[in-house]
Amino acid sequence: PQSATSSPDDQRPGQAPKRALSIEERRKNLVIAVQQKFGVSRGELKGMMGVDPESFNEDEINIIREAAKIAKAQNCDFKTAFNQVKQ
């Protein structure tokens, strides 16, 4: 039984509190996910964006994230989705 003061958001015992990911962590996670899910290499990402993936800023991260959402939703390849975002 839960106590009256607990809420669904309370941490479970032994569970580390969640923290916001740094831009470096989000950038790394996004690049890895795009590589694994869509077969896009770091070199291809660099060619599409014009900068090294390690240097992506917030706007560039958001462009890649949006392209990944489109690719998944439309079941198309990442480059096609990227071109839609960049138009």
Protein backbone atom coordinates (compact mmCIF):
# COMPACT_ATOMS: atom_id res chain seq x y z
CA PRO A 1 0.00 0.00 0.00
CA GLN A 2 1.19 3.50 -0.82
CA SER A 3 1.20 6.25 1.73
CA ALA A 4 -0.96 9.30 1.20
CA THR A 5 2.13 11.43 0.61
CA SER A 6 3.57 9.38 -2.24
CA SER A 7 2.96 10.19 -5.88
CA PRO A 8 3.51 8.24 -9.09
CA ASP A 9 6.61 10.37 -9.72
CA ASP A 10 8.34 9.36 -6.49
CA GLN A 11 11.63 7.51 -6.98
CA ARG A 12 11.78 3.82 -6.22
CA PRO A 13 14.27 2.85 -3.52
CA GLY A 14 17.73 2.48 -4.99
CA GLN A 15 16.80 4.29 -8.20
CA ALA A 16 19.00 7.24 -9.10
CA PRO A 17 17.17 10.52 -9.55
CA LYS A 18 16.72 11.56 -13.18
CA ARG A 19 18.85 14.42 -14.42
CA ALA A 20 18.77 16.41 -17.60
CA LEU A 21 21.21 15.15 -20.20
CA SER A 22 23.94 17.52 -21.30
CA ILE A 23 24.11 18.60 -24.93
CA GLU A 24 27.14 16.33 -25.33
CA GLU A 25 25.19 13.32 -24.07
CA ARG A 26 22.14 14.10 -26.21
CA ARG A 27 24.33 14.64 -29.27
CA LYS A 28 26.16 11.35 -28.71
CA ASN A 29 22.94 9.41 -28.08
CA LEU A 30 21.26 10.88 -31.16
CA VAL A 31 24.19 10.15 -33.48
CA ILE A 32 24.41 6.56 -32.23
CA ALA A 33 20.64 6.07 -32.62
CA VAL A 34 20.64 7.45 -36.18
CA GLN A 35 23.60 5.24 -37.09
CA GLN A 36 21.93 2.13 -35.69
CA LYS A 37 18.34 2.71 -36.83
CA PHE A 38 18.95 4.24 -40.25
CA GLY A 39 22.43 3.03 -41.22
CA VAL A 40 23.76 6.56 -41.62
CA SER A 41 27.48 6.99 -40.98
CA ARG A 42 29.13 9.87 -39.13
CA GLY A 43 30.63 10.95 -42.44
CA GLU A 44 27.20 11.05 -44.06
CA LEU A 45 25.83 13.11 -41.16
CA LYS A 46 28.77 15.49 -41.53
CA GLY A 47 28.12 15.76 -45.26
CA MET A 48 24.43 16.49 -44.73
CA MET A 49 24.91 19.01 -41.92
CA GLY A 50 28.22 20.56 -42.99
CA VAL A 51 29.77 20.08 -39.54
CA ASP A 52 31.18 17.19 -37.52
CA PRO A 53 28.51 15.33 -35.51
CA GLU A 54 30.63 16.03 -32.39
CA SER A 55 30.03 19.75 -33.00
CA PHE A 56 26.24 19.69 -33.49
CA ASN A 57 24.50 22.53 -31.67
CA GLU A 58 20.89 22.54 -30.42
CA ASP A 59 19.46 23.55 -33.81
CA GLU A 60 21.41 20.83 -35.62
CA ILE A 61 20.38 18.23 -33.04
CA ASN A 62 16.74 19.25 -33.57
CA ILE A 63 17.07 18.96 -37.37
CA ILE A 64 18.48 15.43 -37.07
CA ARG A 65 15.81 14.49 -34.51
CA GLU A 66 13.02 15.81 -36.76
CA ALA A 67 14.41 13.94 -39.78
CA ALA A 68 14.51 10.74 -37.73
CA LYS A 69 10.85 11.22 -36.72
CA ILE A 70 9.83 11.74 -40.35
CA ALA A 71 11.85 8.73 -41.54
CA LYS A 72 10.17 6.55 -38.95
CA ALA A 73 6.65 7.91 -39.52
CA GLN A 74 6.83 7.80 -43.33
CA ASN A 75 8.92 4.63 -43.46
CA CYS A 76 11.44 6.34 -45.75
CA ASP A 77 15.21 6.53 -45.69
CA PHE A 78 16.90 9.08 -43.47
CA LYS A 79 18.34 11.16 -46.32
CA THR A 80 14.89 11.64 -47.87
CA ALA A 81 13.49 12.72 -44.50
CA PHE A 82 16.47 15.02 -43.92
CA ASN A 83 15.85 16.73 -47.27
CA GLN A 84 12.21 17.32 -46.26
CA VAL A 85 13.32 19.00 -43.04
CA LYS A 86 15.91 21.16 -44.79
CA GLN A 87 13.44 22.50 -47.42
